[in-house]
């Protein structure tokens, strides 16, 4: 039986808090993005020029597994639950695609078949993340408060330069595309 990544993604939970102050969520997400998508070096592991793609896939999968676990612990204001759920779903797909990188050398046919069977849902997860990201950006622009914090949060999600001159070098959508390409290129 092929793996069911959709069922795994749907089994993930996170705490939705009604009326929660968005600033706490922004801070948590800023720390989360910095830790797992900047400091971790995950984009370097998945770059086209990376050495040893199978080893790098395994390291990137480990990073995403930890990120997924932490994303489930973040308290999410109800108005951002759609965005957060799409992020978690995307992380599940990315983690699983990278896990295939460990098998590509021993069973490239299985790897190719699994990727093919998951491709439609994986692409749908990327698209849903993009849609939810746009909705979250609209909600953020309607939120009153510290403009730098909001700009920083938006920039962290979409890879824009923030007011404090920090760069977030990758967002989960970019990681998703690089993950699939890395595994496909080694298959």
N, C-alpha and C. Protein backbone atom coordinates (compact mmCIF):
# COMPACT_ATOMS: atom_id res chain seq x y z
N UNK A 1 0.82 -1.19 0.00
CA UNK A 1 0.00 0.00 0.00
C UNK A 1 0.87 1.25 0.00
N UNK A 2 0.52 2.22 -0.83
CA UNK A 2 1.28 3.48 -0.81
C UNK A 2 0.98 4.24 0.48
N UNK A 3 1.93 5.05 0.93
CA UNK A 3 1.69 5.84 2.15
C UNK A 3 0.57 6.85 1.92
N UNK A 4 -0.10 7.22 2.99
CA UNK A 4 -1.18 8.19 2.89
C UNK A 4 -0.77 9.47 3.64
N UNK A 5 -0.09 10.34 2.93
CA UNK A 5 0.41 11.56 3.53
C UNK A 5 -0.74 12.48 3.93
N UNK A 6 -1.82 12.43 3.18
CA UNK A 6 -2.98 13.27 3.48
C UNK A 6 -3.56 12.91 4.85
N UNK A 7 -3.69 11.60 5.10
CA UNK A 7 -4.22 11.15 6.39
C UNK A 7 -3.29 11.56 7.53
N UNK A 8 -1.98 11.45 7.30
CA UNK A 8 -1.03 11.88 8.32
C UNK A 8 -1.17 13.38 8.59
N UNK A 9 -1.28 14.17 7.53
CA UNK A 9 -1.43 15.62 7.69
C UNK A 9 -2.72 15.95 8.44
N UNK A 10 -3.79 15.25 8.11
CA UNK A 10 -5.08 15.52 8.77
C UNK A 10 -5.10 15.07 10.23
N UNK A 11 -4.19 14.20 10.61
CA UNK A 11 -4.15 13.73 12.00
C UNK A 11 -3.41 14.71 12.92
N UNK A 12 -2.71 15.67 12.34
CA UNK A 12 -1.95 16.64 13.14
C UNK A 12 -2.90 17.66 13.75
N UNK A 13 -2.61 18.06 14.96
CA UNK A 13 -3.45 19.01 15.67
C UNK A 13 -2.62 20.17 16.21
N UNK A 14 -3.29 21.23 16.51
CA UNK A 14 -2.68 22.38 17.17
C UNK A 14 -3.79 23.07 17.95
N UNK A 15 -3.38 23.88 18.91
CA UNK A 15 -4.34 24.53 19.79
C UNK A 15 -4.80 25.86 19.20
N UNK A 16 -6.11 25.96 18.95
CA UNK A 16 -6.71 27.20 18.47
C UNK A 16 -7.27 27.93 19.67
N UNK A 17 -6.92 29.20 19.79
CA UNK A 17 -7.34 30.01 20.93
C UNK A 17 -8.21 31.14 20.41
N UNK A 18 -9.44 31.18 20.88
CA UNK A 18 -10.36 32.24 20.46
C UNK A 18 -9.98 33.55 21.14
N UNK A 19 -9.99 34.61 20.35
CA UNK A 19 -9.71 35.93 20.88
C UNK A 19 -8.27 36.14 21.31
N UNK A 20 -7.39 35.24 20.96
CA UNK A 20 -5.98 35.35 21.34
C UNK A 20 -5.35 36.59 20.70
N UNK A 21 -4.51 37.25 21.44
CA UNK A 21 -3.77 38.39 20.92
C UNK A 21 -2.82 37.90 19.82
N UNK A 22 -2.94 38.46 18.66
CA UNK A 22 -2.13 38.03 17.51
C UNK A 22 -0.64 38.27 17.72
N UNK A 23 -0.28 39.26 18.53
CA UNK A 23 1.14 39.57 18.70
C UNK A 23 1.91 38.39 19.28
N UNK A 24 1.30 37.62 20.15
CA UNK A 24 1.97 36.43 20.71
C UNK A 24 2.21 35.41 19.60
N UNK A 25 1.24 35.24 18.74
CA UNK A 25 1.39 34.32 17.60
C UNK A 25 2.49 34.81 16.66
N UNK A 26 2.52 36.12 16.39
CA UNK A 26 3.55 36.68 15.51
C UNK A 26 4.94 36.40 16.09
N UNK A 27 5.09 36.62 17.38
CA UNK A 27 6.39 36.37 18.02
C UNK A 27 6.76 34.89 17.92
N UNK A 28 5.80 34.01 18.22
CA UNK A 28 6.07 32.56 18.16
C UNK A 28 6.45 32.14 16.74
N UNK A 29 5.71 32.65 15.76
CA UNK A 29 6.01 32.29 14.37
C UNK A 29 7.34 32.87 13.91
N UNK A 30 7.67 34.07 14.36
CA UNK A 30 8.97 34.65 14.01
C UNK A 30 10.11 33.80 14.53
N UNK A 31 10.01 33.36 15.78
CA UNK A 31 11.03 32.49 16.37
C UNK A 31 11.07 31.16 15.63
N UNK A 32 9.91 30.61 15.33
CA UNK A 32 9.80 29.33 14.61
C UNK A 32 10.48 29.42 13.24
N UNK A 33 10.14 30.45 12.47
CA UNK A 33 10.71 30.61 11.13
C UNK A 33 12.22 30.80 11.19
N UNK A 34 12.65 31.62 12.11
CA UNK A 34 14.09 31.88 12.25
C UNK A 34 14.84 30.58 12.58
N UNK A 35 14.31 29.84 13.53
CA UNK A 35 14.99 28.63 13.99
C UNK A 35 15.04 27.55 12.91
N UNK A 36 13.92 27.27 12.27
CA UNK A 36 13.86 26.12 11.37
C UNK A 36 14.11 26.44 9.90
N UNK A 37 14.00 27.69 9.49
CA UNK A 37 14.17 27.99 8.08
C UNK A 37 15.29 28.97 7.79
N UNK A 38 15.94 29.48 8.83
CA UNK A 38 17.11 30.32 8.62
C UNK A 38 18.32 29.72 9.33
N UNK A 39 18.25 29.65 10.65
CA UNK A 39 19.39 29.16 11.43
C UNK A 39 19.73 27.70 11.11
N UNK A 40 18.75 26.91 10.76
CA UNK A 40 18.98 25.48 10.51
C UNK A 40 19.80 25.23 9.25
N UNK A 41 19.83 26.19 8.33
CA UNK A 41 20.55 26.00 7.07
C UNK A 41 19.85 25.07 6.10
N UNK A 42 18.56 24.87 6.29
CA UNK A 42 17.83 23.90 5.46
C UNK A 42 17.87 24.26 3.97
N UNK A 43 17.82 25.54 3.64
CA UNK A 43 17.85 25.90 2.22
C UNK A 43 19.19 25.54 1.59
N UNK A 44 20.28 25.61 2.35
CA UNK A 44 21.58 25.19 1.83
C UNK A 44 21.62 23.68 1.61
N UNK A 45 20.99 22.94 2.51
CA UNK A 45 20.96 21.48 2.36
C UNK A 45 20.24 21.06 1.09
N UNK A 46 19.27 21.86 0.68
CA UNK A 46 18.45 21.50 -0.47
C UNK A 46 18.83 22.25 -1.73
N UNK A 47 19.92 23.00 -1.70
CA UNK A 47 20.30 23.77 -2.88
C UNK A 47 20.71 22.83 -4.00
N UNK A 48 20.61 23.33 -5.20
CA UNK A 48 20.94 22.54 -6.39
C UNK A 48 22.39 22.09 -6.36
N UNK A 49 23.26 22.88 -5.79
CA UNK A 49 24.69 22.58 -5.76
C UNK A 49 25.12 21.78 -4.52
N UNK A 50 24.18 21.33 -3.72
CA UNK A 50 24.52 20.63 -2.48
C UNK A 50 25.22 19.31 -2.76
N UNK A 51 26.20 19.00 -1.93
CA UNK A 51 26.87 17.70 -2.01
C UNK A 51 26.01 16.66 -1.33
N UNK A 52 26.13 15.42 -1.74
CA UNK A 52 25.44 14.26 -1.17
C UNK A 52 23.96 14.51 -0.91
N UNK A 53 23.14 14.54 -1.97
CA UNK A 53 21.71 14.81 -1.83
C UNK A 53 20.98 13.88 -0.87
N UNK A 54 21.32 12.60 -0.86
CA UNK A 54 20.62 11.66 0.03
C UNK A 54 20.90 12.02 1.49
N UNK A 55 22.15 12.30 1.82
CA UNK A 55 22.50 12.67 3.20
C UNK A 55 21.85 13.99 3.58
N UNK A 56 21.87 14.95 2.66
CA UNK A 56 21.25 16.24 2.94
C UNK A 56 19.74 16.12 3.09
N UNK A 57 19.12 15.25 2.30
CA UNK A 57 17.68 15.02 2.44
C UNK A 57 17.36 14.48 3.83
N UNK A 58 18.19 13.56 4.31
CA UNK A 58 17.97 12.99 5.64
C UNK A 58 18.10 14.07 6.72
N UNK A 59 19.10 14.92 6.59
CA UNK A 59 19.28 16.00 7.57
C UNK A 59 18.12 16.99 7.51
N UNK A 60 17.69 17.34 6.29
CA UNK A 60 16.57 18.27 6.13
C UNK A 60 15.28 17.65 6.67
N UNK A 61 15.10 16.35 6.45
CA UNK A 61 13.91 15.68 7.00
C UNK A 61 13.89 15.77 8.52
N UNK A 62 15.04 15.59 9.13
CA UNK A 62 15.14 15.69 10.59
C UNK A 62 14.76 17.09 11.06
N UNK A 63 15.23 18.10 10.36
CA UNK A 63 14.89 19.49 10.71
C UNK A 63 13.39 19.70 10.59
N UNK A 64 12.80 19.22 9.50
CA UNK A 64 11.37 19.42 9.30
C UNK A 64 10.53 18.62 10.29
N UNK A 65 11.02 17.47 10.71
CA UNK A 65 10.31 16.69 11.74
C UNK A 65 10.24 17.48 13.04
N UNK A 66 11.36 18.08 13.41
CA UNK A 66 11.38 18.91 14.62
C UNK A 66 10.49 20.14 14.45
N UNK A 67 10.54 20.74 13.26
CA UNK A 67 9.71 21.93 12.99
C UNK A 67 8.23 21.57 13.08
N UNK A 68 7.87 20.44 12.54
CA UNK A 68 6.48 19.99 12.57
C UNK A 68 6.01 19.80 14.01
N UNK A 69 6.83 19.16 14.79
CA UNK A 69 6.50 18.94 16.20
C UNK A 69 6.31 20.27 16.93
N UNK A 70 7.19 21.22 16.66
CA UNK A 70 7.07 22.52 17.33
C UNK A 70 5.87 23.31 16.81
N UNK A 71 5.57 23.21 15.51
CA UNK A 71 4.43 23.93 14.93
C UNK A 71 3.12 23.49 15.58
N UNK A 72 3.06 22.23 15.96
CA UNK A 72 1.85 21.72 16.62
C UNK A 72 1.67 22.29 18.02
N UNK A 73 2.73 22.79 18.63
CA UNK A 73 2.67 23.31 19.99
C UNK A 73 2.33 24.80 20.05
N UNK A 74 2.41 25.48 18.92
CA UNK A 74 2.15 26.92 18.90
C UNK A 74 0.67 27.18 19.08
N UNK A 75 0.33 28.09 19.99
CA UNK A 75 -1.06 28.49 20.18
C UNK A 75 -1.44 29.46 19.08
N UNK A 76 -2.54 29.16 18.41
CA UNK A 76 -2.92 29.88 17.19
C UNK A 76 -4.23 30.63 17.40
N UNK A 77 -4.24 31.94 17.16
CA UNK A 77 -5.52 32.67 17.20
C UNK A 77 -6.46 32.08 16.14
N UNK A 78 -7.73 32.01 16.44
CA UNK A 78 -8.67 31.36 15.53
C UNK A 78 -8.64 31.95 14.13
N UNK A 79 -8.37 33.25 14.01
CA UNK A 79 -8.36 33.86 12.67
C UNK A 79 -7.17 33.42 11.82
N UNK A 80 -6.15 32.80 12.44
CA UNK A 80 -5.00 32.29 11.69
C UNK A 80 -4.96 30.76 11.65
N UNK A 81 -6.04 30.12 12.06
CA UNK A 81 -6.04 28.64 12.09
C UNK A 81 -5.94 28.02 10.70
N UNK A 82 -6.57 28.61 9.70
CA UNK A 82 -6.46 28.09 8.34
C UNK A 82 -5.04 28.15 7.83
N UNK A 83 -4.39 29.28 8.07
CA UNK A 83 -2.99 29.43 7.67
C UNK A 83 -2.11 28.41 8.38
N UNK A 84 -2.27 28.31 9.68
CA UNK A 84 -1.41 27.42 10.47
C UNK A 84 -1.64 25.96 10.07
N UNK A 85 -2.89 25.59 9.85
CA UNK A 85 -3.19 24.23 9.42
C UNK A 85 -2.55 23.92 8.07
N UNK A 86 -2.56 24.89 7.15
CA UNK A 86 -1.94 24.65 5.85
C UNK A 86 -0.43 24.54 5.96
N UNK A 87 0.15 25.29 6.89
CA UNK A 87 1.59 25.20 7.14
C UNK A 87 1.94 23.81 7.65
N UNK A 88 1.18 23.32 8.61
CA UNK A 88 1.44 21.99 9.16
C UNK A 88 1.29 20.92 8.08
N UNK A 89 0.25 21.03 7.28
CA UNK A 89 0.05 20.06 6.20
C UNK A 89 1.25 20.08 5.25
N UNK A 90 1.69 21.26 4.88
CA UNK A 90 2.83 21.37 3.98
C UNK A 90 4.08 20.77 4.60
N UNK A 91 4.29 21.00 5.88
CA UNK A 91 5.45 20.43 6.55
C UNK A 91 5.41 18.90 6.54
N UNK A 92 4.22 18.31 6.69
CA UNK A 92 4.08 16.85 6.62
C UNK A 92 4.51 16.35 5.24
N UNK A 93 4.01 17.00 4.20
CA UNK A 93 4.37 16.59 2.83
C UNK A 93 5.86 16.75 2.57
N UNK A 94 6.42 17.86 3.01
CA UNK A 94 7.84 18.10 2.81
C UNK A 94 8.69 17.07 3.54
N UNK A 95 8.34 16.82 4.79
CA UNK A 95 9.08 15.84 5.59
C UNK A 95 9.05 14.47 4.92
N UNK A 96 7.88 14.07 4.46
CA UNK A 96 7.75 12.76 3.83
C UNK A 96 8.46 12.68 2.49
N UNK A 97 8.44 13.76 1.73
CA UNK A 97 9.17 13.77 0.46
C UNK A 97 10.67 13.64 0.71
N UNK A 98 11.14 14.33 1.73
CA UNK A 98 12.56 14.24 2.05
C UNK A 98 12.93 12.87 2.60
N UNK A 99 12.01 12.23 3.31
CA UNK A 99 12.28 10.87 3.82
C UNK A 99 12.52 9.91 2.66
N UNK A 100 11.89 10.16 1.54
CA UNK A 100 12.12 9.32 0.37
C UNK A 100 13.55 9.43 -0.14
N UNK A 101 14.19 10.56 0.12
CA UNK A 101 15.57 10.74 -0.30
C UNK A 101 16.51 9.71 0.29
N UNK A 102 16.17 9.18 1.45
CA UNK A 102 17.00 8.14 2.07
C UNK A 102 16.89 6.81 1.33
N UNK A 103 15.77 6.62 0.63
CA UNK A 103 15.52 5.35 -0.06
C UNK A 103 15.88 5.40 -1.54
N UNK A 104 16.18 6.58 -2.04
CA UNK A 104 16.35 6.73 -3.48
C UNK A 104 17.49 5.88 -4.03
N UNK A 105 18.56 5.72 -3.27
CA UNK A 105 19.70 4.93 -3.76
C UNK A 105 19.43 3.44 -3.71
N UNK A 106 18.65 2.99 -2.74
CA UNK A 106 18.37 1.56 -2.61
C UNK A 106 17.15 1.11 -3.40
N UNK A 107 16.17 2.00 -3.56
CA UNK A 107 14.96 1.62 -4.29
C UNK A 107 14.39 2.83 -5.05
N UNK A 108 15.06 3.20 -6.14
CA UNK A 108 14.62 4.39 -6.87
C UNK A 108 13.23 4.25 -7.49
N UNK A 109 12.85 3.03 -7.86
CA UNK A 109 11.52 2.82 -8.44
C UNK A 109 10.43 3.11 -7.42
N UNK A 110 10.61 2.58 -6.21
CA UNK A 110 9.63 2.84 -5.14
C UNK A 110 9.53 4.33 -4.86
N UNK A 111 10.68 4.99 -4.80
CA UNK A 111 10.70 6.43 -4.55
C UNK A 111 9.90 7.18 -5.62
N UNK A 112 10.15 6.84 -6.87
CA UNK A 112 9.45 7.50 -7.97
C UNK A 112 7.95 7.23 -7.92
N UNK A 113 7.56 6.00 -7.61
CA UNK A 113 6.14 5.65 -7.54
C UNK A 113 5.43 6.37 -6.39
N UNK A 114 6.08 6.44 -5.25
CA UNK A 114 5.47 7.14 -4.11
C UNK A 114 5.32 8.62 -4.42
N UNK A 115 6.37 9.23 -4.98
CA UNK A 115 6.28 10.64 -5.34
C UNK A 115 5.15 10.88 -6.34
N UNK A 116 5.05 9.99 -7.31
CA UNK A 116 4.00 10.13 -8.31
C UNK A 116 2.62 10.02 -7.68
N UNK A 117 2.47 9.08 -6.75
CA UNK A 117 1.16 8.89 -6.12
C UNK A 117 0.78 10.06 -5.21
N UNK A 118 1.76 10.79 -4.71
CA UNK A 118 1.51 11.90 -3.78
C UNK A 118 1.53 13.27 -4.46
N UNK A 119 1.95 13.31 -5.71
CA UNK A 119 2.19 14.58 -6.39
C UNK A 119 0.98 15.51 -6.40
N UNK A 120 -0.18 15.01 -6.73
CA UNK A 120 -1.37 15.86 -6.82
C UNK A 120 -1.71 16.47 -5.47
N UNK A 121 -1.71 15.66 -4.42
CA UNK A 121 -2.01 16.19 -3.08
C UNK A 121 -0.91 17.12 -2.58
N UNK A 122 0.33 16.80 -2.91
CA UNK A 122 1.46 17.65 -2.52
C UNK A 122 1.32 19.02 -3.17
N UNK A 123 1.03 19.05 -4.46
CA UNK A 123 0.83 20.33 -5.15
C UNK A 123 -0.36 21.08 -4.57
N UNK A 124 -1.41 20.37 -4.21
CA UNK A 124 -2.59 21.00 -3.59
C UNK A 124 -2.21 21.60 -2.24
N UNK A 125 -1.35 20.93 -1.48
CA UNK A 125 -0.91 21.44 -0.18
C UNK A 125 -0.09 22.73 -0.37
N UNK A 126 0.74 22.77 -1.39
CA UNK A 126 1.53 23.98 -1.68
C UNK A 126 0.59 25.12 -2.07
N UNK A 127 -0.38 24.82 -2.92
CA UNK A 127 -1.34 25.84 -3.35
C UNK A 127 -2.18 26.35 -2.18
N UNK A 128 -2.64 25.44 -1.32
CA UNK A 128 -3.44 25.86 -0.16
C UNK A 128 -2.61 26.73 0.79
N UNK A 129 -1.35 26.37 0.99
CA UNK A 129 -0.47 27.19 1.81
C UNK A 129 -0.38 28.60 1.23
N UNK A 130 -0.19 28.70 -0.08
CA UNK A 130 -0.12 30.02 -0.73
C UNK A 130 -1.39 30.81 -0.55
N UNK A 131 -2.54 30.16 -0.70
CA UNK A 131 -3.83 30.83 -0.52
C UNK A 131 -4.00 31.31 0.92
N UNK A 132 -3.68 30.44 1.86
CA UNK A 132 -3.82 30.80 3.27
C UNK A 132 -2.82 31.89 3.66
N UNK A 133 -1.64 31.88 3.06
CA UNK A 133 -0.66 32.92 3.31
C UNK A 133 -1.20 34.28 2.88
N UNK A 134 -1.85 34.33 1.72
CA UNK A 134 -2.44 35.59 1.25
C UNK A 134 -3.53 36.06 2.21
N UNK A 135 -4.36 35.13 2.68
CA UNK A 135 -5.41 35.50 3.64
C UNK A 135 -4.80 36.03 4.93
N UNK A 136 -3.74 35.36 5.40
CA UNK A 136 -3.07 35.80 6.63
C UNK A 136 -2.47 37.18 6.45
N UNK A 137 -1.89 37.45 5.29
CA UNK A 137 -1.33 38.78 5.04
C UNK A 137 -2.41 39.84 5.08
N UNK A 138 -3.57 39.55 4.53
CA UNK A 138 -4.68 40.51 4.58
C UNK A 138 -5.12 40.76 6.02
N UNK A 139 -5.20 39.69 6.82
CA UNK A 139 -5.56 39.86 8.23
C UNK A 139 -4.52 40.69 8.97
N UNK A 140 -3.27 40.46 8.65
CA UNK A 140 -2.20 41.18 9.33
C UNK A 140 -2.28 42.66 9.01
N UNK A 141 -2.55 43.00 7.76
CA UNK A 141 -2.62 44.42 7.41
C UNK A 141 -3.79 45.12 8.08
N UNK A 142 -4.81 44.36 8.48
CA UNK A 142 -5.95 44.94 9.19
C UNK A 142 -5.71 45.04 10.70
N UNK A 143 -4.67 44.38 11.18
CA UNK A 143 -4.36 44.36 12.61
C UNK A 143 -3.64 45.64 12.99
N UNK A 144 -4.03 46.20 14.09
CA UNK A 144 -3.35 47.40 14.58
C UNK A 144 -2.24 46.98 15.52
N UNK A 145 -1.21 47.79 15.57
CA UNK A 145 -0.12 47.49 16.49
C UNK A 145 1.21 47.91 15.90
N UNK A 146 2.24 47.31 16.40
CA UNK A 146 3.60 47.65 16.02
C UNK A 146 3.86 47.28 14.57
N UNK A 147 4.04 48.30 13.71
CA UNK A 147 4.23 48.05 12.29
C UNK A 147 5.47 47.22 12.00
N UNK A 148 6.55 47.46 12.72
CA UNK A 148 7.77 46.69 12.48
C UNK A 148 7.54 45.20 12.73
N UNK A 149 6.80 44.90 13.78
CA UNK A 149 6.53 43.48 14.07
C UNK A 149 5.72 42.85 12.95
N UNK A 150 4.73 43.57 12.46
CA UNK A 150 3.90 43.04 11.38
C UNK A 150 4.69 42.88 10.10
N UNK A 151 5.49 43.89 9.77
CA UNK A 151 6.31 43.81 8.56
C UNK A 151 7.30 42.67 8.68
N UNK A 152 7.89 42.52 9.85
CA UNK A 152 8.83 41.43 10.08
C UNK A 152 8.15 40.08 9.90
N UNK A 153 6.95 39.94 10.45
CA UNK A 153 6.21 38.69 10.32
C UNK A 153 5.91 38.38 8.86
N UNK A 154 5.37 39.36 8.14
CA UNK A 154 5.07 39.16 6.73
C UNK A 154 6.34 38.82 5.96
N UNK A 155 7.38 39.58 6.21
CA UNK A 155 8.65 39.34 5.52
C UNK A 155 9.19 37.96 5.79
N UNK A 156 9.05 37.49 7.01
CA UNK A 156 9.52 36.15 7.35
C UNK A 156 8.78 35.08 6.58
N UNK A 157 7.51 35.32 6.32
CA UNK A 157 6.73 34.32 5.61
C UNK A 157 6.99 34.31 4.12
N UNK A 158 7.27 35.47 3.55
CA UNK A 158 7.40 35.53 2.10
C UNK A 158 8.82 35.82 1.64
N UNK A 159 9.78 35.91 2.56
CA UNK A 159 11.17 36.09 2.18
C UNK A 159 11.55 37.52 1.86
N UNK A 160 10.83 38.49 2.40
CA UNK A 160 11.15 39.89 2.15
C UNK A 160 12.11 40.41 3.21
N UNK A 161 12.84 41.44 2.86
CA UNK A 161 13.73 42.08 3.82
C UNK A 161 12.87 42.78 4.86
N UNK A 162 13.21 42.62 6.13
CA UNK A 162 12.41 43.22 7.20
C UNK A 162 12.98 44.57 7.60
N UNK A 163 12.23 45.26 8.45
CA UNK A 163 12.63 46.59 8.89
C UNK A 163 13.94 46.57 9.67
N UNK A 164 14.30 45.45 10.26
CA UNK A 164 15.54 45.36 11.02
C UNK A 164 16.69 44.82 10.18
N UNK A 165 16.51 44.78 8.87
CA UNK A 165 17.54 44.35 7.92
C UNK A 165 17.93 42.90 8.13
N UNK A 166 16.96 42.07 8.46
CA UNK A 166 17.20 40.63 8.54
C UNK A 166 16.59 39.99 7.31
N UNK A 167 17.17 38.89 6.90
CA UNK A 167 16.63 38.15 5.76
C UNK A 167 16.16 36.79 6.23
N UNK A 168 14.98 36.45 5.84
CA UNK A 168 14.51 35.08 6.01
C UNK A 168 14.74 34.45 4.64
N UNK A 169 15.62 33.48 4.55
CA UNK A 169 16.06 33.03 3.23
C UNK A 169 15.14 32.02 2.59
N UNK A 170 14.23 31.45 3.34
CA UNK A 170 13.33 30.48 2.72
C UNK A 170 12.05 30.40 3.51
N UNK A 171 10.96 30.20 2.81
CA UNK A 171 9.71 29.92 3.50
C UNK A 171 9.32 28.48 3.19
N UNK A 172 8.37 27.92 3.92
CA UNK A 172 8.02 26.52 3.70
C UNK A 172 7.58 26.20 2.28
N UNK A 173 6.95 27.13 1.58
CA UNK A 173 6.56 26.87 0.19
C UNK A 173 7.76 26.66 -0.71
N UNK A 174 8.80 27.45 -0.49
CA UNK A 174 10.03 27.29 -1.26
C UNK A 174 10.70 25.97 -0.89
N UNK A 175 10.73 25.67 0.39
CA UNK A 175 11.30 24.41 0.84
C UNK A 175 10.56 23.23 0.20
N UNK A 176 9.26 23.34 0.09
CA UNK A 176 8.46 22.26 -0.52
C UNK A 176 8.91 21.99 -1.94
N UNK A 177 9.05 23.03 -2.71
CA UNK A 177 9.44 22.86 -4.10
C UNK A 177 10.86 22.30 -4.19
N UNK A 178 11.78 22.83 -3.37
CA UNK A 178 13.14 22.32 -3.37
C UNK A 178 13.19 20.87 -2.90
N UNK A 179 12.36 20.52 -1.91
CA UNK A 179 12.33 19.15 -1.40
C UNK A 179 11.94 18.18 -2.50
N UNK A 180 10.86 18.49 -3.19
CA UNK A 180 10.39 17.60 -4.26
C UNK A 180 11.43 17.50 -5.36
N UNK A 181 12.05 18.61 -5.73
CA UNK A 181 13.05 18.61 -6.79
C UNK A 181 14.26 17.80 -6.37
N UNK A 182 14.72 17.93 -5.14
CA UNK A 182 15.87 17.20 -4.67
C UNK A 182 15.64 15.69 -4.74
N UNK A 183 14.48 15.27 -4.27
CA UNK A 183 14.17 13.83 -4.29
C UNK A 183 14.01 13.34 -5.72
N UNK A 184 13.32 14.12 -6.56
CA UNK A 184 13.13 13.71 -7.96
C UNK A 184 14.45 13.65 -8.70
N UNK A 185 15.34 14.60 -8.47
CA UNK A 185 16.62 14.63 -9.15
C UNK A 185 17.50 13.44 -8.78
N UNK A 186 17.34 12.92 -7.58
CA UNK A 186 18.16 11.80 -7.16
C UNK A 186 17.50 10.46 -7.49
N UNK A 187 16.22 10.48 -7.87
CA UNK A 187 15.52 9.23 -8.21
C UNK A 187 15.93 8.71 -9.57
